[in-house]
Amino acid sequence: MIKIDSINKMTEVERLKYMNLLLKGQLSSETDVLANISNSTAIIKLCINNINWSGFYFLRGSELVLGPFQGLPACNRIKIGKGVCGTSVERKEPIIVDNVNEFEGHIACDENSRSEIVIPIIQNDEVFGVLDIDSPYFNRFDEIHLKYLTEFVSIMNKYIKWNEFIN
């Protein structure tokens, strides 16, 4: 059982470490990929304060298609190279955006989002999608978030064979 009161008393770094620990527990105890991806979004929402959206987009042909998420309804499809998610896939690298209004071509699914972090899901040098997290606050994400969220995706890569799930 997850004790929310305990999480609320943790520092930001403690919460991020705990987030990855919860993810390992989830992935090691369940084999259904969809259940694992769905719960991973809930784990992020639980452990990272001041966010309004966390979820996944998966590569289908030449565009990203919405996967499990926590938050308001989102854009269903994003073309590669468009918005923060599509740009992350195109570059094969994570992106932190302190102010989404200053990111040329930003796709606003939730008008309340002010900052964003996107981590590409890359396994065996192939991109399968992205982990996308938005915040209603400017400058919400930093190098610490990048470190732990990159680790989060790496943990997922150890348990999920993306090529079997996506194709």
C-alpha atoms as a PDB file:
ATOM      1  CA  MET A   1       0.000   0.000   0.000  1.00  0.00           C
ATOM      2  CA  ILE A   2       1.235   3.469  -0.897  1.00  0.00           C
ATOM      3  CA  LYS A   3       1.159   5.947   1.975  1.00  0.00           C
ATOM      4  CA  ILE A   4       0.551   9.364   0.464  1.00  0.00           C
ATOM      5  CA  ASP A   5       1.277  11.206   3.729  1.00  0.00           C
ATOM      6  CA  SER A   6       4.814   9.767   3.690  1.00  0.00           C
ATOM      7  CA  ILE A   7       5.356  10.866   0.094  1.00  0.00           C
ATOM      8  CA  ASN A   8       4.159  14.392   0.882  1.00  0.00           C
ATOM      9  CA  LYS A   9       6.912  14.703   3.523  1.00  0.00           C
ATOM     10  CA  MET A  10       9.700  13.746   1.096  1.00  0.00           C
ATOM     11  CA  THR A  11      12.047  16.159  -0.636  1.00  0.00           C
ATOM     12  CA  GLU A  12      11.881  16.435  -4.414  1.00  0.00           C
ATOM     13  CA  VAL A  13      14.871  14.129  -4.910  1.00  0.00           C
ATOM     14  CA  GLU A  14      13.488  11.599  -2.412  1.00  0.00           C
ATOM     15  CA  ARG A  15      10.195  11.615  -4.319  1.00  0.00           C
ATOM     16  CA  LEU A  16      11.962  11.029  -7.644  1.00  0.00           C
ATOM     17  CA  LYS A  17      13.979   8.154  -6.183  1.00  0.00           C
ATOM     18  CA  TYR A  18      10.811   6.690  -4.681  1.00  0.00           C
ATOM     19  CA  MET A  19       9.054   7.091  -8.037  1.00  0.00           C
ATOM     20  CA  ASN A  20      11.649   4.864  -9.682  1.00  0.00           C
ATOM     21  CA  LEU A  21      11.461   2.369  -6.834  1.00  0.00           C
ATOM     22  CA  LEU A  22       7.666   2.171  -7.238  1.00  0.00           C
ATOM     23  CA  LEU A  23       8.104   1.681 -10.969  1.00  0.00           C
ATOM     24  CA  LYS A  24      10.504  -1.231 -10.429  1.00  0.00           C
ATOM     25  CA  GLY A  25       7.998  -2.824  -8.063  1.00  0.00           C
ATOM     26  CA  GLN A  26       5.179  -2.370 -10.574  1.00  0.00           C
ATOM     27  CA  LEU A  27       7.120  -3.745 -13.536  1.00  0.00           C
ATOM     28  CA  SER A  28       8.613  -6.670 -11.652  1.00  0.00           C
ATOM     29  CA  SER A  29       5.242  -7.854 -10.349  1.00  0.00           C
ATOM     30  CA  GLU A  30       3.078  -7.508 -13.486  1.00  0.00           C
ATOM     31  CA  THR A  31       3.631  -8.760 -17.029  1.00  0.00           C
ATOM     32  CA  ASP A  32       0.835  -6.946 -18.858  1.00  0.00           C
ATOM     33  CA  VAL A  33       2.437  -4.061 -20.737  1.00  0.00           C
ATOM     34  CA  LEU A  34      -0.679  -1.903 -20.917  1.00  0.00           C
ATOM     35  CA  ALA A  35      -1.290  -2.248 -17.164  1.00  0.00           C
ATOM     36  CA  ASN A  36       2.350  -1.345 -16.499  1.00  0.00           C
ATOM     37  CA  ILE A  37       2.330   1.713 -18.756  1.00  0.00           C
ATOM     38  CA  SER A  38      -0.965   2.881 -17.277  1.00  0.00           C
ATOM     39  CA  ASN A  39       0.275   2.533 -13.710  1.00  0.00           C
ATOM     40  CA  SER A  40       3.549   4.229 -14.581  1.00  0.00           C
ATOM     41  CA  THR A  41       1.638   7.414 -15.455  1.00  0.00           C
ATOM     42  CA  ALA A  42      -0.128   7.252 -12.090  1.00  0.00           C
ATOM     43  CA  ILE A  43       3.212   6.765 -10.325  1.00  0.00           C
ATOM     44  CA  ILE A  44       4.550   9.912 -11.982  1.00  0.00           C
ATOM     45  CA  LYS A  45       1.421  11.892 -11.097  1.00  0.00           C
ATOM     46  CA  LEU A  46       1.723  10.704  -7.487  1.00  0.00           C
ATOM     47  CA  CYS A  47       5.419  11.468  -7.080  1.00  0.00           C
ATOM     48  CA  ILE A  48       5.942  14.697  -9.008  1.00  0.00           C
ATOM     49  CA  ASN A  49       4.222  17.784  -7.631  1.00  0.00           C
ATOM     50  CA  ASN A  50       2.885  20.642  -9.690  1.00  0.00           C
ATOM     51  CA  ILE A  51       2.187  18.779 -12.911  1.00  0.00           C
ATOM     52  CA  ASN A  52      -1.059  18.727 -14.867  1.00  0.00           C
ATOM     53  CA  TRP A  53      -0.323  15.938 -17.362  1.00  0.00           C
ATOM     54  CA  SER A  54       1.858  12.843 -17.572  1.00  0.00           C
ATOM     55  CA  GLY A  55       1.676  10.241 -20.258  1.00  0.00           C
ATOM     56  CA  PHE A  56       2.977   8.529 -23.320  1.00  0.00           C
ATOM     57  CA  TYR A  57       2.862   8.920 -27.060  1.00  0.00           C
ATOM     58  CA  PHE A  58       3.879   5.937 -29.177  1.00  0.00           C
ATOM     59  CA  LEU A  59       5.310   5.955 -32.670  1.00  0.00           C
ATOM     60  CA  ARG A  60       2.927   4.607 -35.288  1.00  0.00           C
ATOM     61  CA  GLY A  61       4.347   5.113 -38.771  1.00  0.00           C
ATOM     62  CA  SER A  62       5.309   8.759 -39.187  1.00  0.00           C
ATOM     63  CA  GLU A  63       3.418  10.117 -36.192  1.00  0.00           C
ATOM     64  CA  LEU A  64       3.025   9.768 -32.461  1.00  0.00           C
ATOM     65  CA  VAL A  65      -0.272   8.400 -31.158  1.00  0.00           C
ATOM     66  CA  LEU A  66      -1.595   9.043 -27.668  1.00  0.00           C
ATOM     67  CA  GLY A  67      -1.091   6.271 -25.115  1.00  0.00           C
ATOM     68  CA  PRO A  68      -1.982   5.956 -21.410  1.00  0.00           C
ATOM     69  CA  PHE A  69      -1.928   9.232 -19.497  1.00  0.00           C
ATOM     70  CA  GLN A  70      -3.112  11.149 -16.423  1.00  0.00           C
ATOM     71  CA  GLY A  71      -4.660  14.560 -17.013  1.00  0.00           C
ATOM     72  CA  LEU A  72      -7.080  16.345 -19.309  1.00  0.00           C
ATOM     73  CA  PRO A  73      -7.855  14.895 -22.747  1.00  0.00           C
ATOM     74  CA  ALA A  74      -4.874  15.375 -25.044  1.00  0.00           C
ATOM     75  CA  CYS A  75      -3.954  15.578 -28.702  1.00  0.00           C
ATOM     76  CA  ASN A  76      -4.450  12.188 -30.329  1.00  0.00           C
ATOM     77  CA  ARG A  77      -1.708  12.466 -32.957  1.00  0.00           C
ATOM     78  CA  ILE A  78       1.529  14.432 -33.294  1.00  0.00           C
ATOM     79  CA  LYS A  79       3.674  14.444 -36.423  1.00  0.00           C
ATOM     80  CA  ILE A  80       7.393  13.743 -36.084  1.00  0.00           C
ATOM     81  CA  GLY A  81       9.259  17.035 -35.837  1.00  0.00           C
ATOM     82  CA  LYS A  82       6.186  18.919 -34.567  1.00  0.00           C
ATOM     83  CA  GLY A  83       5.759  20.221 -31.033  1.00  0.00           C
ATOM     84  CA  VAL A  84       8.020  19.232 -28.176  1.00  0.00           C
ATOM     85  CA  CYS A  85       7.186  15.509 -28.427  1.00  0.00           C
ATOM     86  CA  GLY A  86       7.701  15.279 -32.183  1.00  0.00           C
ATOM     87  CA  THR A  87      10.931  17.273 -31.924  1.00  0.00           C
ATOM     88  CA  SER A  88      12.232  14.968 -29.195  1.00  0.00           C
ATOM     89  CA  VAL A  89      11.596  11.953 -31.431  1.00  0.00           C
ATOM     90  CA  GLU A  90      13.234  13.627 -34.421  1.00  0.00           C
ATOM     91  CA  ARG A  91      16.343  14.563 -32.426  1.00  0.00           C
ATOM     92  CA  LYS A  92      16.351  11.328 -30.365  1.00  0.00           C
ATOM     93  CA  GLU A  93      17.007  13.365 -27.240  1.00  0.00           C
ATOM     94  CA  PRO A  94      15.151  14.666 -24.187  1.00  0.00           C
ATOM     95  CA  ILE A  95      13.872  18.223 -24.147  1.00  0.00           C
ATOM     96  CA  ILE A  96      13.122  20.510 -21.217  1.00  0.00           C
ATOM     97  CA  VAL A  97      11.004  23.554 -22.050  1.00  0.00           C
ATOM     98  CA  ASP A  98      10.898  26.205 -19.333  1.00  0.00           C
ATOM     99  CA  ASN A  99       8.231  28.250 -21.115  1.00  0.00           C
ATOM    100  CA  VAL A 100       6.126  26.469 -23.735  1.00  0.00           C
ATOM    101  CA  ASN A 101       5.079  29.850 -25.187  1.00  0.00           C
ATOM    102  CA  GLU A 102       8.683  30.318 -26.322  1.00  0.00           C
ATOM    103  CA  PHE A 103       8.971  26.907 -28.021  1.00  0.00           C
ATOM    104  CA  GLU A 104       8.330  27.448 -31.717  1.00  0.00           C
ATOM    105  CA  GLY A 105       5.595  25.114 -32.887  1.00  0.00           C
ATOM    106  CA  HIS A 106       4.477  24.085 -29.395  1.00  0.00           C
ATOM    107  CA  ILE A 107       1.226  22.117 -29.530  1.00  0.00           C
ATOM    108  CA  ALA A 108      -1.091  23.266 -26.748  1.00  0.00           C
ATOM    109  CA  CYS A 109      -3.294  20.357 -25.689  1.00  0.00           C
ATOM    110  CA  ASP A 110      -3.943  21.948 -22.280  1.00  0.00           C
ATOM    111  CA  GLU A 111      -3.982  25.735 -22.247  1.00  0.00           C
ATOM    112  CA  ASN A 112      -2.819  25.677 -18.613  1.00  0.00           C
ATOM    113  CA  SER A 113       0.544  24.040 -19.422  1.00  0.00           C
ATOM    114  CA  ARG A 114       3.502  26.384 -18.994  1.00  0.00           C
ATOM    115  CA  SER A 115       6.518  24.045 -18.990  1.00  0.00           C
ATOM    116  CA  GLU A 116       7.234  20.563 -20.277  1.00  0.00           C
ATOM    117  CA  ILE A 117       9.740  17.741 -20.225  1.00  0.00           C
ATOM    118  CA  VAL A 118       9.858  15.007 -22.848  1.00  0.00           C
ATOM    119  CA  ILE A 119      11.999  11.863 -22.662  1.00  0.00           C
ATOM    120  CA  PRO A 120      12.220   9.702 -25.797  1.00  0.00           C
ATOM    121  CA  ILE A 121      11.748   5.961 -25.426  1.00  0.00           C
ATOM    122  CA  ILE A 122      14.734   4.455 -27.248  1.00  0.00           C
ATOM    123  CA  GLN A 123      15.563   0.771 -27.187  1.00  0.00           C
ATOM    124  CA  ASN A 124      18.320  -0.754 -29.328  1.00  0.00           C
ATOM    125  CA  ASP A 125      18.736   2.642 -31.026  1.00  0.00           C
ATOM    126  CA  GLU A 126      15.101   2.599 -32.211  1.00  0.00           C
ATOM    127  CA  VAL A 127      12.629   5.249 -31.045  1.00  0.00           C
ATOM    128  CA  PHE A 128       9.283   3.859 -29.896  1.00  0.00           C
ATOM    129  CA  GLY A 129       7.697   6.963 -28.403  1.00  0.00           C
ATOM    130  CA  VAL A 130       8.024   9.530 -25.649  1.00  0.00           C
ATOM    131  CA  LEU A 131       7.225  10.129 -22.020  1.00  0.00           C
ATOM    132  CA  ASP A 132       5.664  13.599 -21.833  1.00  0.00           C
ATOM    133  CA  ILE A 133       5.048  15.592 -18.639  1.00  0.00           C
ATOM    134  CA  ASP A 134       3.502  19.076 -18.442  1.00  0.00           C
ATOM    135  CA  SER A 135       3.245  21.582 -15.625  1.00  0.00           C
ATOM    136  CA  PRO A 136       1.065  24.653 -15.140  1.00  0.00           C
ATOM    137  CA  TYR A 137       4.176  26.417 -13.756  1.00  0.00           C
ATOM    138  CA  PHE A 138       7.047  27.978 -15.680  1.00  0.00           C
ATOM    139  CA  ASN A 139      10.522  26.474 -15.141  1.00  0.00           C
ATOM    140  CA  ARG A 140       9.108  23.386 -13.397  1.00  0.00           C
ATOM    141  CA  PHE A 141      11.647  20.864 -14.679  1.00  0.00           C
ATOM    142  CA  ASP A 142      15.419  20.799 -14.324  1.00  0.00           C
ATOM    143  CA  GLU A 143      18.439  18.528 -14.679  1.00  0.00           C
ATOM    144  CA  ILE A 144      17.403  16.515 -11.607  1.00  0.00           C
ATOM    145  CA  HIS A 145      14.070  15.682 -13.253  1.00  0.00           C
ATOM    146  CA  LEU A 146      15.894  14.856 -16.459  1.00  0.00           C
ATOM    147  CA  LYS A 147      18.171  12.447 -14.590  1.00  0.00           C
ATOM    148  CA  TYR A 148      15.401  10.578 -12.763  1.00  0.00           C
ATOM    149  CA  LEU A 149      12.925  10.565 -15.652  1.00  0.00           C
ATOM    150  CA  THR A 150      15.609   9.260 -18.009  1.00  0.00           C
ATOM    151  CA  GLU A 151      16.244   6.543 -15.423  1.00  0.00           C
ATOM    152  CA  PHE A 152      12.469   5.954 -15.292  1.00  0.00           C
ATOM    153  CA  VAL A 153      12.389   5.252 -19.040  1.00  0.00           C
ATOM    154  CA  SER A 154      15.519   3.069 -18.728  1.00  0.00           C
ATOM    155  CA  ILE A 155      13.765   0.989 -16.075  1.00  0.00           C
ATOM    156  CA  MET A 156      10.794   0.589 -18.398  1.00  0.00           C
ATOM    157  CA  ASN A 157      13.170  -0.495 -21.174  1.00  0.00           C
ATOM    158  CA  LYS A 158      14.471  -3.319 -18.978  1.00  0.00           C
ATOM    159  CA  TYR A 159      10.999  -4.809 -18.573  1.00  0.00           C
ATOM    160  CA  ILE A 160       9.141  -3.894 -21.770  1.00  0.00           C
ATOM    161  CA  LYS A 161       9.921  -5.134 -25.263  1.00  0.00           C
ATOM    162  CA  TRP A 162       8.626  -2.075 -27.077  1.00  0.00           C
ATOM    163  CA  ASN A 163       8.901  -3.645 -30.533  1.00  0.00           C
ATOM    164  CA  GLU A 164       6.377  -6.308 -29.478  1.00  0.00           C
ATOM    165  CA  PHE A 165       4.001  -3.792 -27.889  1.00  0.00           C
ATOM    166  CA  ILE A 166       4.157  -1.142 -30.607  1.00  0.00           C
ATOM    167  CA  ASN A 167       4.144  -3.335 -33.705  1.00  0.00           C
END
